[in-house]
Full PDB file with SEQRES, HELIX, SHEET, SSBOND, CRYST1, ORIGX, SCALE, CONECT and MASTER records, all heavy atoms in Angstrom:
SEQRES   1 A   31  ILE THR LEU GLN PRO GLN GLU PHE ARG LEU LEU GLU PHE          
SEQRES   2 A   31  LEU LEU ASN ASN ALA GLY GLN ILE VAL THR ARG THR MET          
SEQRES   3 A   31  LEU LEU GLU GLY VAL                                          
HELIX    1 AA1 PRO A    5  ASN A   16  1                                  12    
HELIX    2 AA2 ARG A   24  GLY A   30  1                                   7    
CRYST1    1.000    1.000    1.000  90.00  90.00  90.00 P 1           1          
ORIGX1      1.000000  0.000000  0.000000        0.00000                         
ORIGX2      0.000000  1.000000  0.000000        0.00000                         
ORIGX3      0.000000  0.000000  1.000000        0.00000                         
SCALE1      1.000000  0.000000  0.000000        0.00000                         
SCALE2      0.000000  1.000000  0.000000        0.00000                         
SCALE3      0.000000  0.000000  1.000000        0.00000                         
ATOM      1  N   ILE A   1      -6.803 -10.379 -10.604  1.00  0.00           N  
ATOM      2  CA  ILE A   1      -6.420 -10.743  -9.258  1.00  0.00           C  
ATOM      3  C   ILE A   1      -7.471 -10.252  -8.336  1.00  0.00           C  
ATOM      4  O   ILE A   1      -7.764  -9.095  -8.297  1.00  0.00           O  
ATOM      5  CB  ILE A   1      -5.000 -10.183  -8.910  1.00  0.00           C  
ATOM      6  CG1 ILE A   1      -3.990 -10.787  -9.846  1.00  0.00           C  
ATOM      7  CG2 ILE A   1      -4.723 -10.528  -7.442  1.00  0.00           C  
ATOM      8  CD1 ILE A   1      -2.626 -10.091  -9.652  1.00  0.00           C  
ATOM      9  N   THR A   2      -8.135 -11.117  -7.576  1.00  0.00           N  
ATOM     10  CA  THR A   2      -9.074 -10.685  -6.615  1.00  0.00           C  
ATOM     11  C   THR A   2      -8.559 -10.364  -5.299  1.00  0.00           C  
ATOM     12  O   THR A   2      -7.854 -11.178  -4.647  1.00  0.00           O  
ATOM     13  CB  THR A   2     -10.107 -11.837  -6.417  1.00  0.00           C  
ATOM     14  OG1 THR A   2     -10.750 -12.158  -7.684  1.00  0.00           O  
ATOM     15  CG2 THR A   2     -11.302 -11.443  -5.492  1.00  0.00           C  
ATOM     16  N   LEU A   3      -8.745  -9.131  -4.822  1.00  0.00           N  
ATOM     17  CA  LEU A   3      -8.313  -8.656  -3.594  1.00  0.00           C  
ATOM     18  C   LEU A   3      -9.367  -8.225  -2.599  1.00  0.00           C  
ATOM     19  O   LEU A   3     -10.450  -7.765  -3.034  1.00  0.00           O  
ATOM     20  CB  LEU A   3      -7.368  -7.441  -3.721  1.00  0.00           C  
ATOM     21  CG  LEU A   3      -6.065  -7.705  -4.611  1.00  0.00           C  
ATOM     22  CD1 LEU A   3      -5.332  -6.427  -4.742  1.00  0.00           C  
ATOM     23  CD2 LEU A   3      -5.261  -8.790  -4.119  1.00  0.00           C  
ATOM     24  N   GLN A   4      -9.112  -8.429  -1.328  1.00  0.00           N  
ATOM     25  CA  GLN A   4     -10.017  -7.863  -0.278  1.00  0.00           C  
ATOM     26  C   GLN A   4      -9.769  -6.395  -0.177  1.00  0.00           C  
ATOM     27  O   GLN A   4      -8.785  -5.847  -0.581  1.00  0.00           O  
ATOM     28  CB  GLN A   4      -9.753  -8.515   1.073  1.00  0.00           C  
ATOM     29  CG  GLN A   4      -9.959 -10.068   1.032  1.00  0.00           C  
ATOM     30  CD  GLN A   4     -11.453 -10.313   0.856  1.00  0.00           C  
ATOM     31  OE1 GLN A   4     -12.437  -9.645   1.367  1.00  0.00           O  
ATOM     32  NE2 GLN A   4     -11.738 -11.255  -0.102  1.00  0.00           N  
ATOM     33  N   PRO A   5     -10.811  -5.549   0.352  1.00  0.00           N  
ATOM     34  CA  PRO A   5     -10.727  -4.156   0.401  1.00  0.00           C  
ATOM     35  C   PRO A   5      -9.454  -3.594   0.996  1.00  0.00           C  
ATOM     36  O   PRO A   5      -8.800  -2.729   0.468  1.00  0.00           O  
ATOM     37  CB  PRO A   5     -11.894  -3.782   1.232  1.00  0.00           C  
ATOM     38  CG  PRO A   5     -12.878  -4.768   0.910  1.00  0.00           C  
ATOM     39  CD  PRO A   5     -12.140  -6.025   0.847  1.00  0.00           C  
ATOM     40  N   GLN A   6      -8.951  -4.223   2.134  1.00  0.00           N  
ATOM     41  CA  GLN A   6      -7.788  -3.745   2.751  1.00  0.00           C  
ATOM     42  C   GLN A   6      -6.503  -4.108   1.913  1.00  0.00           C  
ATOM     43  O   GLN A   6      -5.533  -3.353   1.916  1.00  0.00           O  
ATOM     44  CB  GLN A   6      -7.541  -4.371   4.169  1.00  0.00           C  
ATOM     45  CG  GLN A   6      -6.725  -3.533   5.109  1.00  0.00           C  
ATOM     46  CD  GLN A   6      -7.268  -2.297   5.476  1.00  0.00           C  
ATOM     47  OE1 GLN A   6      -8.472  -1.964   5.323  1.00  0.00           O  
ATOM     48  NE2 GLN A   6      -6.461  -1.261   5.951  1.00  0.00           N  
ATOM     49  N   GLU A   7      -6.519  -5.315   1.208  1.00  0.00           N  
ATOM     50  CA  GLU A   7      -5.408  -5.606   0.379  1.00  0.00           C  
ATOM     51  C   GLU A   7      -5.397  -4.570  -0.821  1.00  0.00           C  
ATOM     52  O   GLU A   7      -4.254  -4.238  -1.293  1.00  0.00           O  
ATOM     53  CB  GLU A   7      -5.610  -6.983  -0.079  1.00  0.00           C  
ATOM     54  CG  GLU A   7      -5.427  -8.087   0.937  1.00  0.00           C  
ATOM     55  CD  GLU A   7      -5.996  -9.374   0.556  1.00  0.00           C  
ATOM     56  OE1 GLU A   7      -6.659  -9.495  -0.496  1.00  0.00           O  
ATOM     57  OE2 GLU A   7      -5.732 -10.424   1.264  1.00  0.00           O  
ATOM     58  N   PHE A   8      -6.525  -4.231  -1.301  1.00  0.00           N  
ATOM     59  CA  PHE A   8      -6.586  -3.193  -2.386  1.00  0.00           C  
ATOM     60  C   PHE A   8      -5.966  -1.967  -1.991  1.00  0.00           C  
ATOM     61  O   PHE A   8      -5.222  -1.255  -2.656  1.00  0.00           O  
ATOM     62  CB  PHE A   8      -8.018  -3.025  -2.822  1.00  0.00           C  
ATOM     63  CG  PHE A   8      -8.230  -2.244  -4.145  1.00  0.00           C  
ATOM     64  CD1 PHE A   8      -8.354  -2.916  -5.315  1.00  0.00           C  
ATOM     65  CD2 PHE A   8      -8.301  -0.840  -4.049  1.00  0.00           C  
ATOM     66  CE1 PHE A   8      -8.500  -2.156  -6.512  1.00  0.00           C  
ATOM     67  CE2 PHE A   8      -8.420  -0.154  -5.208  1.00  0.00           C  
ATOM     68  CZ  PHE A   8      -8.600  -0.742  -6.433  1.00  0.00           C  
ATOM     69  N   ARG A   9      -6.320  -1.449  -0.702  1.00  0.00           N  
ATOM     70  CA  ARG A   9      -5.756  -0.219  -0.225  1.00  0.00           C  
ATOM     71  C   ARG A   9      -4.210  -0.322  -0.054  1.00  0.00           C  
ATOM     72  O   ARG A   9      -3.576   0.673  -0.416  1.00  0.00           O  
ATOM     73  CB  ARG A   9      -6.335   0.129   1.142  1.00  0.00           C  
ATOM     74  CG  ARG A   9      -7.770   0.539   1.187  1.00  0.00           C  
ATOM     75  CD  ARG A   9      -8.202   0.946   2.551  1.00  0.00           C  
ATOM     76  NE  ARG A   9      -9.561   1.375   2.561  1.00  0.00           N  
ATOM     77  CZ  ARG A   9     -10.076   1.850   3.720  1.00  0.00           C  
ATOM     78  NH1 ARG A   9      -9.379   2.193   4.698  1.00  0.00           N  
ATOM     79  NH2 ARG A   9     -11.414   2.232   3.713  1.00  0.00           N  
ATOM     80  N   LEU A  10      -3.735  -1.445   0.418  1.00  0.00           N  
ATOM     81  CA  LEU A  10      -2.480  -1.612   0.580  1.00  0.00           C  
ATOM     82  C   LEU A  10      -1.600  -1.540  -0.796  1.00  0.00           C  
ATOM     83  O   LEU A  10      -0.660  -0.892  -0.897  1.00  0.00           O  
ATOM     84  CB  LEU A  10      -2.147  -2.871   1.247  1.00  0.00           C  
ATOM     85  CG  LEU A  10      -0.669  -3.322   1.431  1.00  0.00           C  
ATOM     86  CD1 LEU A  10       0.187  -2.378   2.201  1.00  0.00           C  
ATOM     87  CD2 LEU A  10      -0.566  -4.793   2.198  1.00  0.00           C  
ATOM     88  N   LEU A  11      -2.159  -2.237  -1.766  1.00  0.00           N  
ATOM     89  CA  LEU A  11      -1.542  -2.202  -3.099  1.00  0.00           C  
ATOM     90  C   LEU A  11      -1.624  -0.820  -3.746  1.00  0.00           C  
ATOM     91  O   LEU A  11      -0.670  -0.315  -4.399  1.00  0.00           O  
ATOM     92  CB  LEU A  11      -2.194  -3.294  -4.039  1.00  0.00           C  
ATOM     93  CG  LEU A  11      -1.636  -3.260  -5.428  1.00  0.00           C  
ATOM     94  CD1 LEU A  11      -0.175  -3.686  -5.461  1.00  0.00           C  
ATOM     95  CD2 LEU A  11      -2.416  -4.420  -6.278  1.00  0.00           C  
ATOM     96  N   GLU A  12      -2.747  -0.210  -3.488  1.00  0.00           N  
ATOM     97  CA  GLU A  12      -2.889   1.248  -3.946  1.00  0.00           C  
ATOM     98  C   GLU A  12      -1.784   2.170  -3.401  1.00  0.00           C  
ATOM     99  O   GLU A  12      -1.219   2.969  -4.213  1.00  0.00           O  
ATOM    100  CB  GLU A  12      -4.224   1.728  -3.689  1.00  0.00           C  
ATOM    101  CG  GLU A  12      -4.488   3.128  -4.194  1.00  0.00           C  
ATOM    102  CD  GLU A  12      -5.920   3.701  -3.874  1.00  0.00           C  
ATOM    103  OE1 GLU A  12      -6.702   2.922  -3.265  1.00  0.00           O  
ATOM    104  OE2 GLU A  12      -6.187   4.796  -4.180  1.00  0.00           O  
ATOM    105  N   PHE A  13      -1.550   1.952  -2.138  1.00  0.00           N  
ATOM    106  CA  PHE A  13      -0.522   2.821  -1.504  1.00  0.00           C  
ATOM    107  C   PHE A  13       0.867   2.509  -2.120  1.00  0.00           C  
ATOM    108  O   PHE A  13       1.640   3.388  -2.394  1.00  0.00           O  
ATOM    109  CB  PHE A  13      -0.547   2.516  -0.027  1.00  0.00           C  
ATOM    110  CG  PHE A  13       0.305   3.585   0.815  1.00  0.00           C  
ATOM    111  CD1 PHE A  13      -0.233   4.711   1.260  1.00  0.00           C  
ATOM    112  CD2 PHE A  13       1.654   3.383   0.970  1.00  0.00           C  
ATOM    113  CE1 PHE A  13       0.499   5.636   1.955  1.00  0.00           C  
ATOM    114  CE2 PHE A  13       2.392   4.182   1.722  1.00  0.00           C  
ATOM    115  CZ  PHE A  13       1.869   5.441   2.166  1.00  0.00           C  
ATOM    116  N   LEU A  14       1.187   1.302  -2.266  1.00  0.00           N  
ATOM    117  CA  LEU A  14       2.444   0.818  -2.820  1.00  0.00           C  
ATOM    118  C   LEU A  14       2.569   1.299  -4.293  1.00  0.00           C  
ATOM    119  O   LEU A  14       3.673   1.820  -4.626  1.00  0.00           O  
ATOM    120  CB  LEU A  14       2.589  -0.684  -2.800  1.00  0.00           C  
ATOM    121  CG  LEU A  14       2.814  -1.274  -1.412  1.00  0.00           C  
ATOM    122  CD1 LEU A  14       2.579  -2.819  -1.399  1.00  0.00           C  
ATOM    123  CD2 LEU A  14       4.141  -0.974  -0.802  1.00  0.00           C  
ATOM    124  N   LEU A  15       1.561   1.225  -5.035  1.00  0.00           N  
ATOM    125  CA  LEU A  15       1.538   1.660  -6.452  1.00  0.00           C  
ATOM    126  C   LEU A  15       1.738   3.182  -6.561  1.00  0.00           C  
ATOM    127  O   LEU A  15       2.361   3.708  -7.508  1.00  0.00           O  
ATOM    128  CB  LEU A  15       0.339   1.198  -7.270  1.00  0.00           C  
ATOM    129  CG  LEU A  15       0.299  -0.247  -7.529  1.00  0.00           C  
ATOM    130  CD1 LEU A  15      -1.030  -0.658  -8.182  1.00  0.00           C  
ATOM    131  CD2 LEU A  15       1.430  -0.651  -8.500  1.00  0.00           C  
ATOM    132  N   ASN A  16       1.121   3.816  -5.635  1.00  0.00           N  
ATOM    133  CA  ASN A  16       1.254   5.382  -5.609  1.00  0.00           C  
ATOM    134  C   ASN A  16       2.663   5.777  -5.240  1.00  0.00           C  
ATOM    135  O   ASN A  16       3.043   6.908  -5.568  1.00  0.00           O  
ATOM    136  CB  ASN A  16       0.270   5.949  -4.541  1.00  0.00           C  
ATOM    137  CG  ASN A  16      -1.085   6.290  -5.170  1.00  0.00           C  
ATOM    138  OD1 ASN A  16      -1.223   6.810  -6.290  1.00  0.00           O  
ATOM    139  ND2 ASN A  16      -2.099   5.999  -4.419  1.00  0.00           N  
ATOM    140  N   ASN A  17       3.375   4.812  -4.592  1.00  0.00           N  
ATOM    141  CA  ASN A  17       4.851   5.115  -4.344  1.00  0.00           C  
ATOM    142  C   ASN A  17       5.827   4.230  -5.090  1.00  0.00           C  
ATOM    143  O   ASN A  17       6.891   3.770  -4.621  1.00  0.00           O  
ATOM    144  CB  ASN A  17       4.971   4.961  -2.808  1.00  0.00           C  
ATOM    145  CG  ASN A  17       4.289   6.052  -2.037  1.00  0.00           C  
ATOM    146  OD1 ASN A  17       4.715   7.203  -1.867  1.00  0.00           O  
ATOM    147  ND2 ASN A  17       3.012   5.605  -1.588  1.00  0.00           N  
ATOM    148  N   ALA A  18       5.326   3.788  -6.206  1.00  0.00           N  
ATOM    149  CA  ALA A  18       6.138   2.788  -7.046  1.00  0.00           C  
ATOM    150  C   ALA A  18       7.597   3.359  -7.280  1.00  0.00           C  
ATOM    151  O   ALA A  18       7.689   4.562  -7.581  1.00  0.00           O  
ATOM    152  CB  ALA A  18       5.506   2.572  -8.420  1.00  0.00           C  
ATOM    153  N   GLY A  19       8.516   2.533  -7.100  1.00  0.00           N  
ATOM    154  CA  GLY A  19       9.942   2.857  -7.336  1.00  0.00           C  
ATOM    155  C   GLY A  19      10.515   3.484  -6.088  1.00  0.00           C  
ATOM    156  O   GLY A  19      11.791   3.840  -6.111  1.00  0.00           O  
ATOM    157  N   GLN A  20       9.736   3.546  -5.028  1.00  0.00           N  
ATOM    158  CA  GLN A  20      10.276   4.179  -3.724  1.00  0.00           C  
ATOM    159  C   GLN A  20      10.131   3.101  -2.542  1.00  0.00           C  
ATOM    160  O   GLN A  20       9.075   2.356  -2.595  1.00  0.00           O  
ATOM    161  CB  GLN A  20       9.516   5.446  -3.304  1.00  0.00           C  
ATOM    162  CG  GLN A  20       9.536   6.503  -4.504  1.00  0.00           C  
ATOM    163  CD  GLN A  20       8.729   7.760  -3.989  1.00  0.00           C  
ATOM    164  OE1 GLN A  20       8.913   8.175  -2.900  1.00  0.00           O  
ATOM    165  NE2 GLN A  20       7.890   8.162  -4.918  1.00  0.00           N  
ATOM    166  N   ILE A  21      10.952   3.127  -1.657  1.00  0.00           N  
ATOM    167  CA  ILE A  21      10.885   2.205  -0.546  1.00  0.00           C  
ATOM    168  C   ILE A  21       9.726   2.787   0.389  1.00  0.00           C  
ATOM    169  O   ILE A  21       9.762   3.991   0.727  1.00  0.00           O  
ATOM    170  CB  ILE A  21      12.193   2.107   0.298  1.00  0.00           C  
ATOM    171  CG1 ILE A  21      13.278   1.427  -0.648  1.00  0.00           C  
ATOM    172  CG2 ILE A  21      11.954   1.328   1.513  1.00  0.00           C  
ATOM    173  CD1 ILE A  21      14.632   1.365  -0.010  1.00  0.00           C  
ATOM    174  N   VAL A  22       8.837   1.942   0.842  1.00  0.00           N  
ATOM    175  CA  VAL A  22       7.888   2.307   1.685  1.00  0.00           C  
ATOM    176  C   VAL A  22       8.040   1.681   2.959  1.00  0.00           C  
ATOM    177  O   VAL A  22       8.075   0.401   3.109  1.00  0.00           O  
ATOM    178  CB  VAL A  22       6.382   1.889   1.163  1.00  0.00           C  
ATOM    179  CG1 VAL A  22       5.286   2.248   2.130  1.00  0.00           C  
ATOM    180  CG2 VAL A  22       6.125   2.542  -0.202  1.00  0.00           C  
ATOM    181  N   THR A  23       8.086   2.413   4.135  1.00  0.00           N  
ATOM    182  CA  THR A  23       8.445   1.782   5.408  1.00  0.00           C  
ATOM    183  C   THR A  23       7.171   1.308   6.112  1.00  0.00           C  
ATOM    184  O   THR A  23       6.045   1.655   5.616  1.00  0.00           O  
ATOM    185  CB  THR A  23       9.080   2.900   6.317  1.00  0.00           C  
ATOM    186  OG1 THR A  23       8.131   3.888   6.678  1.00  0.00           O  
ATOM    187  CG2 THR A  23      10.317   3.483   5.625  1.00  0.00           C  
ATOM    188  N   ARG A  24       7.420   0.499   7.136  1.00  0.00           N  
ATOM    189  CA  ARG A  24       6.242  -0.059   7.852  1.00  0.00           C  
ATOM    190  C   ARG A  24       5.518   1.080   8.519  1.00  0.00           C  
ATOM    191  O   ARG A  24       4.246   1.050   8.511  1.00  0.00           O  
ATOM    192  CB  ARG A  24       6.800  -0.954   9.040  1.00  0.00           C  
ATOM    193  CG  ARG A  24       5.714  -1.609   9.755  1.00  0.00           C  
ATOM    194  CD  ARG A  24       6.393  -2.611  10.870  1.00  0.00           C  
ATOM    195  NE  ARG A  24       5.402  -3.460  11.550  1.00  0.00           N  
ATOM    196  CZ  ARG A  24       4.792  -2.977  12.647  1.00  0.00           C  
ATOM    197  NH1 ARG A  24       5.098  -1.873  13.127  1.00  0.00           N  
ATOM    198  NH2 ARG A  24       3.969  -3.750  13.231  1.00  0.00           N  
ATOM    199  N   THR A  25       6.100   2.176   9.013  1.00  0.00           N  
ATOM    200  CA  THR A  25       5.481   3.266   9.597  1.00  0.00           C  
ATOM    201  C   THR A  25       4.619   4.047   8.550  1.00  0.00           C  
ATOM    202  O   THR A  25       3.459   4.379   8.861  1.00  0.00           O  
ATOM    203  CB  THR A  25       6.462   4.242  10.167  1.00  0.00           C  
ATOM    204  OG1 THR A  25       7.198   3.641  11.247  1.00  0.00           O  
ATOM    205  CG2 THR A  25       5.749   5.470  10.807  1.00  0.00           C  
ATOM    206  N   MET A  26       5.089   4.087   7.366  1.00  0.00           N  
ATOM    207  CA  MET A  26       4.266   4.790   6.280  1.00  0.00           C  
ATOM    208  C   MET A  26       3.029   3.946   5.947  1.00  0.00           C  
ATOM    209  O   MET A  26       2.052   4.562   5.730  1.00  0.00           O  
ATOM    210  CB  MET A  26       5.169   4.850   5.076  1.00  0.00           C  
ATOM    211  CG  MET A  26       6.290   5.934   5.152  1.00  0.00           C  
ATOM    212  SD  MET A  26       7.372   5.909   3.745  1.00  0.00           S  
ATOM    213  CE  MET A  26       6.346   6.383   2.432  1.00  0.00           C  
ATOM    214  N   LEU A  27       3.241   2.697   6.021  1.00  0.00           N  
ATOM    215  CA  LEU A  27       1.976   1.897   5.772  1.00  0.00           C  
ATOM    216  C   LEU A  27       0.993   1.834   6.921  1.00  0.00           C  
ATOM    217  O   LEU A  27      -0.244   1.913   6.650  1.00  0.00           O  
ATOM    218  CB  LEU A  27       2.424   0.283   5.443  1.00  0.00           C  
ATOM    219  CG  LEU A  27       3.259   0.172   4.280  1.00  0.00           C  
ATOM    220  CD1 LEU A  27       3.742  -1.282   4.203  1.00  0.00           C  
ATOM    221  CD2 LEU A  27       2.343   0.431   3.020  1.00  0.00           C  
ATOM    222  N   LEU A  28       1.528   1.847   8.122  1.00  0.00           N  
ATOM    223  CA  LEU A  28       0.666   2.043   9.261  1.00  0.00           C  
ATOM    224  C   LEU A  28      -0.235   3.240   9.158  1.00  0.00           C  
ATOM    225  O   LEU A  28      -1.389   3.238   9.470  1.00  0.00           O  
ATOM    226  CB  LEU A  28       1.355   1.936  10.582  1.00  0.00           C  
ATOM    227  CG  LEU A  28       1.901   0.500  10.947  1.00  0.00           C  
ATOM    228  CD1 LEU A  28       2.876   0.643  12.170  1.00  0.00           C  
ATOM    229  CD2 LEU A  28       0.757  -0.431  11.378  1.00  0.00           C  
ATOM    230  N   GLU A  29       0.441   4.409   8.853  1.00  0.00           N  
ATOM    231  CA  GLU A  29      -0.259   5.594   8.776  1.00  0.00           C  
ATOM    232  C   GLU A  29      -1.100   5.778   7.501  1.00  0.00           C  
ATOM    233  O   GLU A  29      -2.329   6.223   7.594  1.00  0.00           O  
ATOM    234  CB  GLU A  29       0.778   6.826   8.804  1.00  0.00           C  
ATOM    235  CG  GLU A  29       1.429   6.906  10.171  1.00  0.00           C  
ATOM    236  CD  GLU A  29       2.308   8.166  10.213  1.00  0.00           C  
ATOM    237  OE1 GLU A  29       2.452   8.796   9.248  1.00  0.00           O  
ATOM    238  OE2 GLU A  29       2.695   8.555  11.349  1.00  0.00           O  
ATOM    239  N   GLY A  30      -0.560   5.444   6.401  1.00  0.00           N  
ATOM    240  CA  GLY A  30      -1.256   5.602   5.086  1.00  0.00           C  
ATOM    241  C   GLY A  30      -2.425   4.615   4.866  1.00  0.00           C  
ATOM    242  O   GLY A  30      -3.372   5.002   4.112  1.00  0.00           O  
ATOM    243  N   VAL A  31      -2.308   3.419   5.254  1.00  0.00           N  
ATOM    244  CA  VAL A  31      -3.252   2.383   4.955  1.00  0.00           C  
ATOM    245  C   VAL A  31      -4.251   2.138   6.147  1.00  0.00           C  
ATOM    246  O   VAL A  31      -5.368   1.993   5.937  1.00  0.00           O  
ATOM    247  CB  VAL A  31      -2.551   1.126   4.582  1.00  0.00           C  
ATOM    248  CG1 VAL A  31      -3.609  -0.036   4.224  1.00  0.00           C  
ATOM    249  CG2 VAL A  31      -1.621   1.338   3.401  1.00  0.00           C  
TER     250      VAL A  31                                                      
MASTER        0    0    0    2    0    0    0    6  249    1    0    3          
END                                                                             
């Protein structure tokens, strides 16, 4: 799957928190 750099970062953040709900605020800060 080919991802743009920001999409890669977003998926990396989600995978680092796999099994947990990630909020919009967490994504805004973390990504």
